[in-house]
Structure formats: structure tokens, C-alpha cells
Protein backbone atom coordinates (compact mmCIF):
# COMPACT_ATOMS: atom_id res chain seq x y z
CA MET A 1 149.56 -177.93 161.00
CA LYS A 2 146.89 -178.36 158.33
CA ILE A 3 146.49 -175.44 155.90
CA VAL A 4 143.68 -175.25 153.35
CA VAL A 5 144.88 -173.24 150.34
CA GLY A 6 142.42 -171.59 147.96
CA THR A 7 143.22 -170.65 144.35
CA ARG A 8 141.40 -170.24 141.10
CA GLY A 9 141.06 -173.50 139.27
CA SER A 10 143.13 -172.73 136.17
CA GLU A 11 146.38 -174.51 135.44
CA LEU A 12 148.24 -171.21 135.79
CA ALA A 13 146.71 -170.43 139.19
CA VAL A 14 147.75 -173.85 140.47
CA ARG A 15 151.21 -173.72 138.90
CA GLN A 16 152.07 -170.33 140.39
CA ALA A 17 150.88 -171.45 143.82
CA GLU A 18 152.93 -174.65 143.83
CA PRO A 19 156.23 -173.12 145.11
CA LEU A 20 154.43 -171.66 148.12
CA VAL A 21 152.63 -174.94 148.81
CA SER A 22 155.89 -176.88 148.47
CA HIS A 23 157.52 -174.50 150.96
CA LEU A 24 154.74 -175.11 153.47
CA GLU A 25 154.90 -178.88 152.99
CA ALA A 26 158.69 -178.95 153.33
CA ALA A 27 158.25 -177.37 156.77
CA GLY A 28 156.02 -180.28 157.81
CA ASN A 29 152.60 -178.75 157.18
CA VAL A 30 149.75 -180.72 155.62
CA VAL A 31 148.27 -178.75 152.71
CA GLU A 32 144.82 -179.28 151.24
CA TRP A 33 143.90 -177.55 147.98
CA ARG A 34 140.56 -175.95 147.19
CA ARG A 35 140.15 -174.68 143.65
CA PHE A 36 137.45 -172.15 142.74
CA THR A 37 135.75 -171.17 139.50
CA THR A 38 135.16 -167.44 139.86
CA HIS A 39 132.64 -165.16 138.20
CA GLY A 40 135.40 -163.88 135.94
CA ASP A 41 136.25 -167.43 134.87
CA ARG A 42 132.61 -168.17 133.99
CA TRP A 43 131.91 -164.86 132.24
CA LEU A 44 133.02 -165.36 128.63
CA ALA A 45 130.47 -163.22 126.79
CA GLY A 46 132.75 -160.32 125.91
CA PRO A 47 135.88 -158.33 126.76
CA LEU A 48 136.71 -157.42 130.32
CA ASN A 49 135.86 -153.84 131.17
CA LYS A 50 134.89 -151.63 134.08
CA ALA A 51 131.20 -152.48 133.63
CA VAL A 52 131.86 -156.09 134.66
CA GLY A 53 132.62 -155.02 138.22
CA THR A 54 135.50 -155.49 140.64
CA GLY A 55 136.73 -158.61 142.35
CA PHE A 56 135.36 -160.83 139.59
CA PHE A 57 138.43 -163.08 139.78
CA THR A 58 138.63 -163.10 143.58
CA GLN A 59 135.21 -162.72 145.24
CA GLU A 60 134.49 -166.42 145.69
CA LEU A 61 137.94 -166.99 147.18
CA GLU A 62 137.61 -164.06 149.56
CA GLU A 63 134.24 -165.31 150.80
CA ALA A 64 135.80 -168.71 151.52
CA LEU A 65 138.67 -167.15 153.48
CA ALA A 66 136.33 -164.92 155.47
CA SER A 67 134.10 -167.89 156.38
CA GLY A 68 137.02 -170.08 157.43
CA ALA A 69 136.51 -172.56 154.59
CA VAL A 70 140.12 -171.91 153.53
CA ASP A 71 143.11 -170.63 155.48
CA LEU A 72 145.27 -169.07 152.77
CA LEU A 73 144.62 -167.52 149.35
CA ILE A 74 147.20 -167.25 146.58
CA HIS A 75 146.31 -164.67 143.91
CA SER A 76 147.77 -163.01 140.88
CA PHE A 77 148.27 -159.68 142.60
CA LYS A 78 147.05 -157.64 139.61
CA ASP A 79 143.58 -159.24 139.91
CA VAL A 80 143.11 -158.20 143.54
CA ALA A 81 140.82 -155.28 144.35
CA LEU A 82 142.38 -152.27 146.03
CA GLU A 83 140.03 -152.46 149.00
CA ARG A 84 140.72 -155.63 150.98
CA PRO A 85 138.11 -157.27 153.23
CA GLU A 86 138.25 -156.51 156.94
CA GLY A 87 140.50 -158.91 158.80
CA PHE A 88 142.61 -159.94 155.77
CA VAL A 89 146.40 -159.53 155.98
CA ILE A 90 149.33 -160.16 153.66
CA ALA A 91 151.04 -163.48 154.36
CA CYS A 92 153.75 -162.84 151.77
CA VAL A 93 154.54 -161.26 148.43
CA PRO A 94 157.16 -163.49 146.75
CA LEU A 95 159.85 -162.33 144.35
CA ARG A 96 158.21 -161.00 141.20
CA GLU A 97 158.35 -162.79 137.84
CA ASP A 98 158.93 -160.87 134.57
CA PRO A 99 156.19 -158.17 134.56
CA SER A 100 156.26 -157.44 130.82
CA ASP A 101 153.74 -158.33 128.09
CA TRP A 102 154.56 -160.54 125.11
CA LEU A 103 153.06 -160.36 121.64
CA LEU A 104 152.57 -163.90 120.27
CA LEU A 105 152.31 -163.99 116.47
CA ARG A 106 151.67 -166.69 113.93
CA ARG A 107 154.71 -166.98 111.71
CA ASP A 108 152.52 -166.36 108.65
CA ALA A 109 151.00 -163.20 110.16
CA PRO A 110 150.63 -160.25 107.75
CA ASP A 111 152.30 -156.90 108.34
CA GLN A 112 149.07 -155.61 109.89
CA PRO A 113 147.94 -158.58 112.00
CA ARG A 114 144.59 -159.02 113.70
CA ILE A 115 145.38 -159.06 117.42
CA ALA A 116 143.13 -160.37 120.20
CA THR A 117 143.19 -159.19 123.81
CA SER A 118 140.84 -159.15 126.79
CA SER A 119 142.45 -156.09 128.38
CA GLU A 120 141.33 -152.49 127.84
CA ARG A 121 144.83 -151.35 128.85
CA ARG A 122 146.50 -153.48 126.20
CA LEU A 123 143.92 -152.56 123.57
CA ARG A 124 144.29 -148.80 123.95
CA PHE A 125 148.10 -148.80 124.03
CA LEU A 126 148.46 -151.30 121.19
CA ARG A 127 146.13 -149.32 118.94
CA ARG A 128 148.65 -146.50 119.16
CA ALA A 129 151.70 -148.76 118.80
CA PHE A 130 150.21 -150.67 115.84
CA PRO A 131 147.73 -148.26 114.23
CA GLU A 132 147.32 -150.32 111.06
CA SER A 133 146.46 -153.55 112.88
CA GLY A 134 142.98 -154.86 113.62
CA PHE A 135 141.85 -155.78 117.13
CA THR A 136 139.25 -158.03 118.68
CA TRP A 137 138.43 -159.46 122.11
CA ILE A 138 139.30 -162.91 123.41
CA ARG A 139 138.46 -164.77 126.62
CA GLY A 140 139.66 -168.02 128.19
CA ASN A 141 142.76 -169.18 130.01
CA VAL A 142 146.31 -168.77 128.71
CA PRO A 143 146.61 -172.13 126.90
CA THR A 144 143.22 -171.56 125.26
CA ARG A 145 144.27 -168.17 123.92
CA VAL A 146 147.55 -169.53 122.60
CA GLN A 147 145.66 -172.34 120.88
CA ARG A 148 143.31 -169.84 119.22
CA VAL A 149 146.33 -168.12 117.67
CA ARG A 150 147.66 -171.46 116.45
CA GLU A 151 144.29 -172.22 114.86
CA GLY A 152 144.27 -168.78 113.22
CA LEU A 153 140.54 -168.30 113.66
CA LEU A 154 138.36 -166.60 116.26
CA ARG A 155 134.57 -166.27 115.88
CA ASP A 156 134.88 -167.13 112.19
CA GLN A 157 137.38 -164.32 111.58
CA PRO A 158 141.16 -164.54 111.00
CA LEU A 159 143.33 -164.28 114.09
CA HIS A 160 147.07 -163.67 113.87
CA ALA A 161 148.23 -162.71 117.35
CA THR A 162 147.46 -162.17 121.02
CA VAL A 163 149.15 -160.40 123.92
CA LEU A 164 149.75 -162.18 127.22
CA ALA A 165 151.70 -161.57 130.40
CA ALA A 166 155.22 -162.98 130.28
CA ALA A 167 154.88 -164.15 133.88
CA GLY A 168 152.03 -166.53 133.10
CA LEU A 169 153.73 -167.91 130.02
CA ARG A 170 156.97 -168.48 131.94
CA ARG A 171 155.22 -170.13 134.88
CA LEU A 172 153.34 -172.49 132.59
CA GLY A 173 156.47 -173.31 130.61
CA LEU A 174 154.53 -173.47 127.34
CA ASP A 175 156.32 -174.47 124.16
CA LEU A 176 155.99 -171.40 121.93
CA SER A 177 158.56 -172.44 119.33
CA ASP A 178 155.97 -172.46 116.54
CA LEU A 179 155.10 -168.80 117.20
CA GLU A 180 157.01 -165.55 116.98
CA VAL A 181 157.40 -164.12 120.50
CA ARG A 182 157.97 -160.36 120.75
CA PRO A 183 158.52 -158.92 124.23
CA LEU A 184 156.87 -155.50 124.16
CA PRO A 185 159.08 -152.66 125.47
CA TYR A 186 157.73 -150.56 128.30
CA GLU A 187 157.80 -147.54 125.97
CA GLN A 188 154.99 -149.24 124.04
CA LEU A 189 153.13 -150.99 126.85
CA LEU A 190 153.72 -150.60 130.57
CA PRO A 191 152.47 -153.58 132.60
CA ALA A 192 149.33 -153.51 134.70
CA PRO A 193 149.96 -152.53 138.33
CA ALA A 194 151.37 -155.59 140.16
CA GLN A 195 151.62 -157.67 136.98
CA GLY A 196 153.94 -160.65 137.50
CA ALA A 197 153.57 -160.55 141.30
CA LEU A 198 151.68 -162.91 143.60
CA LEU A 199 149.80 -162.14 146.80
CA ALA A 200 149.35 -164.74 149.53
CA GLU A 201 146.83 -163.53 152.11
CA THR A 202 145.28 -164.98 155.21
CA ARG A 203 143.14 -163.85 158.14
CA ARG A 204 144.49 -161.68 160.89
CA ASP A 205 143.94 -164.54 163.36
CA ARG A 206 146.49 -166.79 161.54
CA PRO A 207 149.92 -165.37 162.44
CA ASP A 208 151.20 -168.96 162.27
CA ILE A 209 150.66 -168.94 158.48
CA ILE A 210 152.39 -165.59 158.13
CA GLU A 211 155.36 -166.99 160.05
CA ALA A 212 155.40 -170.13 157.88
CA LEU A 213 155.73 -168.01 154.72
CA ARG A 214 158.08 -165.37 156.10
CA ASP A 215 161.11 -166.72 154.21
CA LEU A 216 159.30 -166.29 150.87
CA HIS A 217 158.35 -162.67 151.42
CA HIS A 218 160.31 -160.26 149.19
CA PRO A 219 160.11 -156.76 150.70
CA LEU A 220 161.36 -154.94 147.60
CA THR A 221 158.76 -156.60 145.38
CA ALA A 222 156.08 -155.72 147.94
CA ARG A 223 157.24 -152.10 147.99
CA CYS A 224 157.31 -151.73 144.20
CA VAL A 225 153.93 -153.37 143.75
CA GLY A 226 152.53 -151.19 146.51
CA LEU A 227 153.67 -148.06 144.66
CA GLU A 228 152.03 -149.21 141.43
CA ARG A 229 148.76 -149.97 143.20
CA ALA A 230 148.94 -146.60 144.96
CA VAL A 231 148.97 -144.92 141.54
CA LEU A 232 145.91 -146.96 140.59
CA ALA A 233 144.21 -145.86 143.79
CA GLY A 234 145.23 -142.28 143.09
CA ILE A 235 143.28 -142.21 139.83
CA GLY A 236 140.31 -143.91 141.46
CA GLY A 237 140.71 -147.06 139.42
CA GLY A 238 140.02 -150.76 139.43
CA CYS A 239 141.96 -153.55 137.77
CA GLN A 240 140.43 -152.85 134.33
CA GLN A 241 141.56 -149.22 134.14
CA PRO A 242 143.69 -148.54 131.01
CA LEU A 243 146.65 -147.79 133.27
CA GLY A 244 150.17 -149.11 133.05
CA ALA A 245 152.46 -148.68 136.04
CA PHE A 246 155.87 -150.03 136.91
CA ALA A 247 158.19 -149.35 139.84
CA GLU A 248 161.80 -150.54 139.70
CA PRO A 249 164.79 -150.18 142.03
CA LEU A 250 167.75 -148.14 140.82
CA PRO A 251 171.42 -148.83 141.65
CA ASP A 252 171.56 -145.97 144.17
CA GLY A 253 168.75 -147.51 146.23
CA SER A 254 166.02 -145.19 145.00
CA ILE A 255 162.90 -146.21 143.08
CA ARG A 256 161.83 -145.11 139.61
CA LEU A 257 158.06 -145.09 139.20
CA ARG A 258 156.54 -144.86 135.72
CA ALA A 259 152.90 -144.79 134.71
CA ALA A 260 150.82 -144.16 131.61
CA PHE A 261 147.07 -143.73 131.23
CA ALA A 262 145.40 -144.23 127.85
CA SER A 263 142.20 -142.19 127.56
CA GLU A 264 139.92 -142.34 124.55
CA THR A 265 141.85 -139.51 122.92
CA ASP A 266 145.44 -139.54 124.20
CA ILE A 267 148.05 -141.09 126.47
CA ARG A 268 149.27 -139.26 129.56
CA TYR A 269 152.59 -140.18 131.16
CA GLY A 270 154.06 -139.74 134.61
CA THR A 271 157.48 -140.55 136.01
CA ALA A 272 159.40 -139.86 139.19
CA SER A 273 162.46 -141.15 141.02
CA GLY A 274 163.41 -140.94 144.66
CA LEU A 275 163.28 -142.50 148.10
CA ALA A 276 160.02 -141.12 149.48
CA ASP A 277 157.21 -143.40 148.34
CA ALA A 278 154.34 -140.99 149.00
CA ALA A 279 156.08 -138.21 147.06
CA LEU A 280 156.71 -140.53 144.10
CA VAL A 281 153.06 -141.51 143.89
CA ALA A 282 151.84 -137.93 144.30
CA ARG A 283 154.12 -136.69 141.49
CA VAL A 284 153.09 -139.44 139.07
CA VAL A 285 149.37 -139.10 139.82
CA LYS A 286 149.65 -135.35 139.23
CA ASP A 287 151.46 -135.93 135.91
CA LEU A 288 148.60 -138.20 134.85
CA GLY A 289 146.14 -135.38 135.40
CA TRP A 290 144.55 -136.31 138.73
């Protein structure tokens, strides 16, 4: 069958969708790509924050799927709004890539570097982890941000470092040998809910697409990501909330769910382990103060 796949137009969006497209093509399907420039891609005037709105990286794609202009969307799961349009269903959630954040530093960076980020979550946690450092906002795709660090200048001011998701850097396969790469421990910076995971979604009237992607669906990833997004929902948040959340399987088959919320004045933590998903989320949300 012919399947029209919609993604954002960035190199990363295309690269992370390629394994799913290859899987569909290997099964004999004919795949046509449609790449979209979203509102979030066009809006470069300042840092991302709650005032920008929700769905600013997905709205144009969702409209295309709803209208029938595309048959399948492949998203970075962390960019997807909690409320999904009527008639949309999950086609698959593949195995998750590394969900952590990496600090990329120039090798001549001072002890208190000037760090750029577009994320309120990263900014608030990093200000506490690196209180002597300076911070500024940055926009643009992953290669653009890496290049700004290499150039050492942003808006006529020195720039020494940025923080990016490990998943995107790994999927792009960028050569970072000229930079110092520091994976940030979860004790300093928990990932955004669903960071490192992908969501492939289609319309309810396309069970054939769901069947075609069944082999790529990873139930444990879907469960863990679902728990993280449930915490986000529990605090009434969107994707720009300063919330870190991470669910991971333990050897005994249970799940450990951790979360941290950085308010203007402090950081609140929540953690719980067990088998009952609803109880885990309720405990963590309560620990966070909601």
C-alpha cells in the first residue's frame, strides 16, 4: 500500500523517522514523505516558554493527518501535547534512545562558562547545578546550536556551551570530537517526559498501518513514557513545564518513577517504585506538591 508519512522538516526529524520508513518499505509498502515547517520551527524570536502555546511543533502535522493529507506522523514524543486530537491512535512507540541530556563545552571554556539553552526545564535545573555560570537562550536545530558553540559567539556575546538531548545527537551521528561532552547525571537534570522516545500515530480508520508497524512497538518504552506523561498531566503541564520525569524498569519487574519540578524558588522531588502505574503517578504527583 501507499503510505504518506509526515514529519518536521529538520534533518533530525527525518533521520529519526528513517528506521520506521525503512521497515514499511521492506514490507513492500510505497512511502511518500511530506516534511512540514511548524510554528515552533519558524518562531526564533526568543526562548521557548509556556506563553508560546502548546502544539507549536506538531499542529501543522496534526492538521494534515486529520484532513487525510498524510497517513502517518512520526514525532519526538516529548513535543506532543497531552491532549490528542479525536480519532488519532498510536501506531507504535519504538524502543527508546538514550533519554539523558549532554552538556557540550568548548575546550577553552572557562570554569564558569556561558551556557545557552532553549528549555525552561534545563535553565532552572542548571542554574542550581552551576550557580556561577551565565545563561542565555538559543534557538535553531541541533547542528545550528552545535555550530554556535564552535563559533564561540551568540548575539555578539561569548558562548561556551549548550545542552542538548543525547538522543538527537546520537541519531544525527554528529562528530563532537572538538568539544568536551559531559553527560549530565539524573541527579542534576532529569530528562523531559518522553525524551528520547518517538511516537508514530495515525487515524483510527487505518488499522493496516498499525499492523504494519506492530513489530517496532516496544511496550515497555510505551509504558514508561506513559508514566512520565501522566506526571506531567498530574501537574497540569505542557511540554515547556520545568519538569523532569523518568521511569525505568527494575530487575524485579517493577518500575521506578522519578520526577523533579523546578519552581522559581526551589526544586521539589518525587519518587516511587512498584507495579501499579496509577499508584506510582499519584505518589509522585503528591510529592511534587499537587
